[in-house]
Amino acid sequence: MEITKDPRRVVVEGVDPEVDDGRFPIKRVVGERVIVEADVFTDGHEAVSCAVLYRKEGAAPWNEAPMTELVNDRWRAEFMVAEMGHYQYTVQGWLDHFKHWSRDLGKRIAAGQDVSIDLLIGAQYVEEALPRATGADQDKLRGYL
């Protein structure tokens, strides 16, 4: 499965919370959740996925919280303020080819259409994802082949 992260095709806007387009920090206390919402969409009918990337300022790795679709291209995720300090966060969106394939496969099955080609495409996605997967995920993918 190839996940294309093409910023020219996915639009992220209306990020909340933010103060003055991100020029000033929002305020939270230790133990409080930061609930992030954003409008994330593409210029076509492909499926998108998105996540909030966050970290304590100065930390090397970014943490990732997958976003859940609400309604009308609005998405939400949250993360916890674990310790005192400044945190950074951003919303990242991408075209999700597997999600698009899966959604359309369900529609074709429901309509009673021949899905033999679609199943071959799905098998190709699994084969492409297998080398990147580890542990239980890799075992689960092998079971699909």
N, C-alpha and C. Protein backbone atom coordinates (compact mmCIF):
# COMPACT_ATOMS: atom_id res chain seq x y z
N MET A 1 0.85 -1.17 0.00
CA MET A 1 0.00 0.00 0.00
C MET A 1 0.89 1.23 0.00
N GLU A 2 0.63 2.11 -0.91
CA GLU A 2 1.40 3.34 -1.00
C GLU A 2 0.56 4.47 -0.45
N ILE A 3 1.10 5.18 0.51
CA ILE A 3 0.41 6.34 1.06
C ILE A 3 1.11 7.57 0.51
N THR A 4 0.39 8.33 -0.30
CA THR A 4 0.96 9.52 -0.90
C THR A 4 0.72 10.70 0.01
N LYS A 5 1.79 11.36 0.38
CA LYS A 5 1.67 12.55 1.19
C LYS A 5 2.03 13.73 0.30
N ASP A 6 1.08 14.13 -0.56
CA ASP A 6 1.28 15.18 -1.53
C ASP A 6 0.55 16.43 -1.06
N PRO A 7 1.26 17.40 -0.52
CA PRO A 7 0.60 18.57 0.05
C PRO A 7 -0.14 19.41 -0.99
N ARG A 8 0.15 19.21 -2.28
CA ARG A 8 -0.55 19.98 -3.29
C ARG A 8 -1.96 19.45 -3.52
N ARG A 9 -2.24 18.25 -3.10
CA ARG A 9 -3.55 17.64 -3.33
C ARG A 9 -4.43 17.64 -2.09
N VAL A 10 -3.86 17.83 -0.95
CA VAL A 10 -4.63 17.80 0.30
C VAL A 10 -4.56 19.18 0.94
N VAL A 11 -5.71 19.68 1.32
CA VAL A 11 -5.80 21.00 1.93
C VAL A 11 -6.10 20.83 3.41
N VAL A 12 -5.36 21.54 4.24
CA VAL A 12 -5.61 21.59 5.68
C VAL A 12 -5.86 23.04 6.04
N GLU A 13 -7.02 23.32 6.58
CA GLU A 13 -7.34 24.69 6.99
C GLU A 13 -8.29 24.67 8.17
N GLY A 14 -8.53 25.82 8.73
CA GLY A 14 -9.46 25.92 9.85
C GLY A 14 -8.99 25.17 11.07
N VAL A 15 -7.68 25.15 11.31
CA VAL A 15 -7.14 24.44 12.47
C VAL A 15 -7.56 25.17 13.75
N ASP A 16 -8.03 24.39 14.71
CA ASP A 16 -8.48 24.94 15.98
C ASP A 16 -8.04 24.00 17.09
N PRO A 17 -7.44 24.43 18.16
CA PRO A 17 -7.25 25.82 18.54
C PRO A 17 -5.98 26.42 17.92
N GLU A 18 -6.06 27.69 17.69
CA GLU A 18 -4.90 28.47 17.31
C GLU A 18 -5.19 29.92 17.64
N VAL A 19 -4.15 30.63 17.95
CA VAL A 19 -4.30 32.04 18.30
C VAL A 19 -3.49 32.85 17.30
N ASP A 20 -4.19 33.71 16.57
CA ASP A 20 -3.57 34.63 15.60
C ASP A 20 -2.69 33.86 14.60
N ASP A 21 -3.31 32.85 13.94
CA ASP A 21 -2.62 32.02 12.95
C ASP A 21 -1.37 31.35 13.50
N GLY A 22 -1.40 30.98 14.77
CA GLY A 22 -0.29 30.25 15.37
C GLY A 22 0.84 31.13 15.88
N ARG A 23 0.67 32.44 15.82
CA ARG A 23 1.75 33.33 16.29
C ARG A 23 1.89 33.33 17.81
N PHE A 24 0.81 32.95 18.49
CA PHE A 24 0.84 32.93 19.94
C PHE A 24 0.39 31.54 20.41
N PRO A 25 0.93 31.08 21.53
CA PRO A 25 0.57 29.73 22.00
C PRO A 25 -0.82 29.70 22.63
N ILE A 26 -1.45 28.53 22.49
CA ILE A 26 -2.67 28.29 23.25
C ILE A 26 -2.22 27.93 24.66
N LYS A 27 -3.13 27.92 25.60
CA LYS A 27 -2.74 27.61 26.99
C LYS A 27 -3.51 26.40 27.49
N ARG A 28 -2.76 25.48 28.10
CA ARG A 28 -3.32 24.31 28.76
C ARG A 28 -2.47 24.03 30.00
N VAL A 29 -2.98 23.21 30.91
CA VAL A 29 -2.23 22.83 32.10
C VAL A 29 -1.90 21.35 32.02
N VAL A 30 -0.93 20.92 32.81
CA VAL A 30 -0.53 19.52 32.84
C VAL A 30 -1.74 18.65 33.16
N GLY A 31 -1.91 17.58 32.39
CA GLY A 31 -3.03 16.67 32.57
C GLY A 31 -4.24 17.03 31.72
N GLU A 32 -4.21 18.18 31.08
CA GLU A 32 -5.34 18.60 30.26
C GLU A 32 -5.16 18.12 28.82
N ARG A 33 -6.28 17.81 28.17
CA ARG A 33 -6.23 17.39 26.77
C ARG A 33 -6.24 18.60 25.85
N VAL A 34 -5.51 18.48 24.75
CA VAL A 34 -5.58 19.47 23.69
C VAL A 34 -6.39 18.81 22.57
N ILE A 35 -7.56 19.32 22.33
CA ILE A 35 -8.43 18.80 21.28
C ILE A 35 -8.21 19.65 20.05
N VAL A 36 -7.75 19.00 18.98
CA VAL A 36 -7.42 19.69 17.74
C VAL A 36 -8.43 19.29 16.68
N GLU A 37 -8.98 20.28 16.01
CA GLU A 37 -9.87 20.04 14.88
C GLU A 37 -9.35 20.79 13.67
N ALA A 38 -9.66 20.27 12.48
CA ALA A 38 -9.25 20.92 11.24
C ALA A 38 -10.13 20.45 10.10
N ASP A 39 -10.22 21.27 9.08
CA ASP A 39 -10.86 20.88 7.83
C ASP A 39 -9.77 20.30 6.94
N VAL A 40 -9.94 19.06 6.52
CA VAL A 40 -8.94 18.37 5.69
C VAL A 40 -9.68 17.74 4.52
N PHE A 41 -9.26 18.12 3.30
CA PHE A 41 -9.96 17.61 2.11
C PHE A 41 -9.02 17.63 0.91
N THR A 42 -9.50 17.06 -0.19
CA THR A 42 -8.71 17.02 -1.42
C THR A 42 -9.56 17.57 -2.56
N ASP A 43 -8.92 17.73 -3.69
CA ASP A 43 -9.59 18.31 -4.85
C ASP A 43 -10.38 17.28 -5.66
N GLY A 44 -10.36 16.03 -5.25
CA GLY A 44 -11.06 14.99 -6.00
C GLY A 44 -11.92 14.16 -5.08
N HIS A 45 -12.18 12.92 -5.52
CA HIS A 45 -13.02 12.02 -4.74
C HIS A 45 -12.20 11.02 -3.93
N GLU A 46 -10.88 11.11 -3.99
CA GLU A 46 -10.06 10.17 -3.24
C GLU A 46 -10.29 10.36 -1.74
N ALA A 47 -9.98 9.31 -1.01
CA ALA A 47 -10.11 9.36 0.45
C ALA A 47 -8.86 10.02 1.04
N VAL A 48 -9.05 10.76 2.10
CA VAL A 48 -7.93 11.34 2.82
C VAL A 48 -7.87 10.77 4.22
N SER A 49 -6.69 10.81 4.79
CA SER A 49 -6.49 10.53 6.20
C SER A 49 -5.64 11.66 6.74
N CYS A 50 -5.64 11.83 8.05
CA CYS A 50 -4.85 12.90 8.62
C CYS A 50 -4.51 12.56 10.07
N ALA A 51 -3.55 13.30 10.59
CA ALA A 51 -3.10 13.09 11.96
C ALA A 51 -2.60 14.41 12.54
N VAL A 52 -2.64 14.49 13.85
CA VAL A 52 -2.00 15.59 14.56
C VAL A 52 -0.63 15.10 14.98
N LEU A 53 0.39 15.83 14.59
CA LEU A 53 1.75 15.55 15.04
C LEU A 53 2.04 16.54 16.16
N TYR A 54 2.56 16.04 17.28
CA TYR A 54 2.80 16.92 18.42
C TYR A 54 4.06 16.48 19.16
N ARG A 55 4.65 17.41 19.86
CA ARG A 55 5.83 17.12 20.69
C ARG A 55 6.04 18.27 21.66
N LYS A 56 6.73 17.93 22.73
CA LYS A 56 7.17 18.98 23.64
C LYS A 56 8.30 19.71 22.95
N GLU A 57 8.31 21.01 23.03
CA GLU A 57 9.33 21.80 22.33
C GLU A 57 10.73 21.30 22.69
N GLY A 58 11.53 21.07 21.66
CA GLY A 58 12.90 20.60 21.86
C GLY A 58 13.04 19.09 21.78
N ALA A 59 11.93 18.36 21.88
CA ALA A 59 11.99 16.90 21.78
C ALA A 59 12.21 16.52 20.31
N ALA A 60 13.01 15.51 20.08
CA ALA A 60 13.33 15.11 18.70
C ALA A 60 12.16 14.40 18.01
N PRO A 61 11.60 13.36 18.59
CA PRO A 61 10.56 12.65 17.83
C PRO A 61 9.20 13.34 17.96
N TRP A 62 8.44 13.30 16.88
CA TRP A 62 7.05 13.76 16.91
C TRP A 62 6.17 12.58 17.30
N ASN A 63 5.17 12.82 18.11
CA ASN A 63 4.14 11.84 18.41
C ASN A 63 3.01 12.05 17.40
N GLU A 64 2.26 10.99 17.15
CA GLU A 64 1.20 11.09 16.15
C GLU A 64 -0.12 10.62 16.75
N ALA A 65 -1.17 11.42 16.57
CA ALA A 65 -2.52 11.05 16.98
C ALA A 65 -3.39 11.05 15.73
N PRO A 66 -3.86 9.88 15.29
CA PRO A 66 -4.72 9.83 14.11
C PRO A 66 -5.99 10.64 14.35
N MET A 67 -6.43 11.32 13.31
CA MET A 67 -7.64 12.13 13.43
C MET A 67 -8.85 11.31 12.98
N THR A 68 -9.99 11.60 13.59
CA THR A 68 -11.25 10.95 13.28
C THR A 68 -12.13 11.94 12.53
N GLU A 69 -12.76 11.45 11.45
CA GLU A 69 -13.62 12.33 10.67
C GLU A 69 -14.91 12.60 11.43
N LEU A 70 -15.31 13.87 11.47
CA LEU A 70 -16.54 14.27 12.14
C LEU A 70 -17.66 14.36 11.10
N VAL A 71 -17.70 15.48 10.39
CA VAL A 71 -18.71 15.70 9.34
C VAL A 71 -18.19 16.79 8.40
N ASN A 72 -18.56 16.68 7.12
CA ASN A 72 -18.21 17.72 6.15
C ASN A 72 -16.73 18.09 6.16
N ASP A 73 -15.86 17.09 6.05
CA ASP A 73 -14.41 17.29 5.96
C ASP A 73 -13.79 17.82 7.26
N ARG A 74 -14.51 17.78 8.36
CA ARG A 74 -13.98 18.22 9.65
C ARG A 74 -13.45 17.00 10.37
N TRP A 75 -12.25 17.13 10.95
CA TRP A 75 -11.56 16.03 11.62
C TRP A 75 -11.17 16.46 13.02
N ARG A 76 -10.97 15.46 13.92
CA ARG A 76 -10.60 15.75 15.31
C ARG A 76 -9.64 14.69 15.85
N ALA A 77 -8.70 15.17 16.67
CA ALA A 77 -7.82 14.30 17.45
C ALA A 77 -7.48 15.04 18.73
N GLU A 78 -6.87 14.33 19.64
CA GLU A 78 -6.47 14.97 20.89
C GLU A 78 -5.18 14.37 21.40
N PHE A 79 -4.50 15.16 22.23
CA PHE A 79 -3.32 14.66 22.93
C PHE A 79 -3.29 15.29 24.31
N MET A 80 -2.55 14.66 25.20
CA MET A 80 -2.49 15.08 26.59
C MET A 80 -1.22 15.88 26.84
N VAL A 81 -1.35 16.95 27.61
CA VAL A 81 -0.19 17.70 28.06
C VAL A 81 0.38 16.92 29.25
N ALA A 82 1.52 16.26 29.03
CA ALA A 82 2.07 15.35 30.03
C ALA A 82 2.95 16.05 31.05
N GLU A 83 3.60 17.11 30.64
CA GLU A 83 4.47 17.83 31.58
C GLU A 83 4.51 19.30 31.21
N MET A 84 4.96 20.10 32.15
CA MET A 84 5.00 21.54 31.94
C MET A 84 5.99 21.89 30.83
N GLY A 85 5.64 22.87 30.04
CA GLY A 85 6.51 23.33 28.96
C GLY A 85 5.71 23.71 27.75
N HIS A 86 6.41 24.09 26.72
CA HIS A 86 5.77 24.46 25.46
C HIS A 86 5.66 23.24 24.56
N TYR A 87 4.53 23.09 23.90
CA TYR A 87 4.30 21.99 22.96
C TYR A 87 4.08 22.58 21.57
N GLN A 88 4.46 21.80 20.60
CA GLN A 88 4.21 22.17 19.21
C GLN A 88 3.28 21.13 18.62
N TYR A 89 2.40 21.56 17.72
CA TYR A 89 1.57 20.59 17.01
C TYR A 89 1.26 21.12 15.61
N THR A 90 0.99 20.18 14.75
CA THR A 90 0.62 20.50 13.37
C THR A 90 -0.31 19.41 12.86
N VAL A 91 -1.08 19.73 11.86
CA VAL A 91 -1.99 18.76 11.25
C VAL A 91 -1.42 18.38 9.89
N GLN A 92 -1.33 17.08 9.66
CA GLN A 92 -0.81 16.57 8.40
C GLN A 92 -1.89 15.72 7.73
N GLY A 93 -2.16 15.99 6.46
CA GLY A 93 -3.15 15.21 5.72
C GLY A 93 -2.52 14.59 4.48
N TRP A 94 -3.06 13.45 4.04
CA TRP A 94 -2.53 12.77 2.86
C TRP A 94 -3.63 11.98 2.16
N LEU A 95 -3.41 11.70 0.89
CA LEU A 95 -4.31 10.82 0.15
C LEU A 95 -4.09 9.41 0.65
N ASP A 96 -5.16 8.72 0.97
CA ASP A 96 -5.08 7.37 1.50
C ASP A 96 -5.66 6.41 0.46
N HIS A 97 -4.77 5.87 -0.38
CA HIS A 97 -5.21 5.02 -1.48
C HIS A 97 -5.88 3.73 -0.98
N PHE A 98 -5.39 3.17 0.11
CA PHE A 98 -6.00 1.96 0.64
C PHE A 98 -7.43 2.23 1.12
N LYS A 99 -7.62 3.32 1.82
CA LYS A 99 -8.96 3.68 2.30
C LYS A 99 -9.90 3.90 1.11
N HIS A 100 -9.40 4.57 0.07
CA HIS A 100 -10.19 4.81 -1.14
C HIS A 100 -10.59 3.48 -1.78
N TRP A 101 -9.61 2.58 -1.92
CA TRP A 101 -9.88 1.26 -2.50
C TRP A 101 -10.91 0.51 -1.66
N SER A 102 -10.74 0.51 -0.37
CA SER A 102 -11.63 -0.22 0.53
C SER A 102 -13.06 0.32 0.47
N ARG A 103 -13.18 1.63 0.48
CA ARG A 103 -14.50 2.26 0.41
C ARG A 103 -15.21 1.90 -0.89
N ASP A 104 -14.47 1.99 -2.00
CA ASP A 104 -15.08 1.68 -3.30
C ASP A 104 -15.39 0.19 -3.45
N LEU A 105 -14.54 -0.66 -2.87
CA LEU A 105 -14.80 -2.11 -2.93
C LEU A 105 -16.13 -2.42 -2.24
N GLY A 106 -16.36 -1.83 -1.09
CA GLY A 106 -17.62 -2.05 -0.38
C GLY A 106 -18.82 -1.63 -1.21
N LYS A 107 -18.70 -0.51 -1.92
CA LYS A 107 -19.80 -0.04 -2.77
C LYS A 107 -20.04 -1.00 -3.93
N ARG A 108 -18.95 -1.51 -4.53
CA ARG A 108 -19.10 -2.43 -5.66
C ARG A 108 -19.71 -3.76 -5.23
N ILE A 109 -19.31 -4.24 -4.06
CA ILE A 109 -19.89 -5.49 -3.54
C ILE A 109 -21.38 -5.29 -3.28
N ALA A 110 -21.72 -4.18 -2.66
CA ALA A 110 -23.13 -3.90 -2.36
C ALA A 110 -23.97 -3.80 -3.63
N ALA A 111 -23.35 -3.34 -4.72
CA ALA A 111 -24.07 -3.19 -6.00
C ALA A 111 -24.06 -4.49 -6.80
N GLY A 112 -23.42 -5.53 -6.29
CA GLY A 112 -23.38 -6.81 -6.98
C GLY A 112 -22.46 -6.84 -8.20
N GLN A 113 -21.48 -5.94 -8.23
CA GLN A 113 -20.55 -5.89 -9.36
C GLN A 113 -19.43 -6.91 -9.22
N ASP A 114 -18.79 -7.23 -10.33
CA ASP A 114 -17.62 -8.11 -10.34
C ASP A 114 -16.45 -7.34 -9.70
N VAL A 115 -15.86 -7.91 -8.66
CA VAL A 115 -14.78 -7.23 -7.94
C VAL A 115 -13.45 -7.97 -8.09
N SER A 116 -13.33 -8.86 -9.06
CA SER A 116 -12.10 -9.65 -9.18
C SER A 116 -10.87 -8.77 -9.39
N ILE A 117 -10.97 -7.74 -10.22
CA ILE A 117 -9.84 -6.84 -10.44
C ILE A 117 -9.55 -6.05 -9.16
N ASP A 118 -10.60 -5.62 -8.48
CA ASP A 118 -10.42 -4.87 -7.23
C ASP A 118 -9.69 -5.70 -6.18
N LEU A 119 -9.98 -7.00 -6.14
CA LEU A 119 -9.30 -7.87 -5.18
C LEU A 119 -7.82 -8.02 -5.53
N LEU A 120 -7.49 -8.05 -6.81
CA LEU A 120 -6.08 -8.09 -7.22
C LEU A 120 -5.36 -6.81 -6.80
N ILE A 121 -6.03 -5.70 -6.95
CA ILE A 121 -5.45 -4.42 -6.52
C ILE A 121 -5.21 -4.44 -5.01
N GLY A 122 -6.18 -4.94 -4.26
CA GLY A 122 -6.03 -5.05 -2.80
C GLY A 122 -4.86 -5.93 -2.42
N ALA A 123 -4.69 -7.06 -3.14
CA ALA A 123 -3.55 -7.95 -2.87
C ALA A 123 -2.23 -7.24 -3.13
N GLN A 124 -2.20 -6.39 -4.16
CA GLN A 124 -0.99 -5.62 -4.44
C GLN A 124 -0.68 -4.64 -3.30
N TYR A 125 -1.73 -4.00 -2.78
CA TYR A 125 -1.53 -3.09 -1.64
C TYR A 125 -0.94 -3.85 -0.45
N VAL A 126 -1.45 -5.05 -0.19
CA VAL A 126 -0.95 -5.86 0.92
C VAL A 126 0.51 -6.23 0.69
N GLU A 127 0.85 -6.66 -0.51
CA GLU A 127 2.24 -7.03 -0.83
C GLU A 127 3.19 -5.84 -0.66
N GLU A 128 2.74 -4.65 -1.06
CA GLU A 128 3.57 -3.46 -0.92
C GLU A 128 3.75 -3.05 0.54
N ALA A 129 2.73 -3.29 1.37
CA ALA A 129 2.79 -2.91 2.78
C ALA A 129 3.58 -3.89 3.62
N LEU A 130 3.64 -5.15 3.19
CA LEU A 130 4.25 -6.21 3.99
C LEU A 130 5.68 -5.90 4.43
N PRO A 131 6.58 -5.42 3.57
CA PRO A 131 7.95 -5.16 4.02
C PRO A 131 8.06 -4.05 5.07
N ARG A 132 7.07 -3.16 5.12
CA ARG A 132 7.12 -2.05 6.08
C ARG A 132 6.48 -2.40 7.41
N ALA A 133 5.70 -3.48 7.44
CA ALA A 133 4.98 -3.87 8.66
C ALA A 133 5.89 -4.68 9.58
N THR A 134 5.54 -4.70 10.86
CA THR A 134 6.29 -5.49 11.84
C THR A 134 5.32 -6.23 12.75
N GLY A 135 5.81 -7.26 13.40
CA GLY A 135 5.07 -7.98 14.43
C GLY A 135 3.71 -8.47 13.99
N ALA A 136 2.71 -8.21 14.83
CA ALA A 136 1.35 -8.69 14.59
C ALA A 136 0.78 -8.12 13.30
N ASP A 137 1.14 -6.88 12.97
CA ASP A 137 0.64 -6.28 11.73
C ASP A 137 1.15 -7.06 10.52
N GLN A 138 2.42 -7.44 10.57
CA GLN A 138 2.99 -8.19 9.47
C GLN A 138 2.32 -9.57 9.36
N ASP A 139 2.08 -10.22 10.50
CA ASP A 139 1.41 -11.53 10.50
C ASP A 139 0.00 -11.41 9.92
N LYS A 140 -0.71 -10.36 10.28
CA LYS A 140 -2.07 -10.16 9.79
C LYS A 140 -2.05 -9.96 8.27
N LEU A 141 -1.11 -9.15 7.78
CA LEU A 141 -1.01 -8.93 6.34
C LEU A 141 -0.70 -10.22 5.59
N ARG A 142 0.19 -11.04 6.14
CA ARG A 142 0.52 -12.32 5.50
C ARG A 142 -0.73 -13.20 5.36
N GLY A 143 -1.62 -13.11 6.33
CA GLY A 143 -2.85 -13.89 6.29
C GLY A 143 -3.78 -13.52 5.15
N TYR A 144 -3.61 -12.33 4.60
CA TYR A 144 -4.45 -11.90 3.48
C TYR A 144 -3.96 -12.42 2.15
N LEU A 145 -2.71 -12.86 2.09
CA LEU A 145 -2.16 -13.31 0.80
C LEU A 145 -2.45 -14.77 0.53
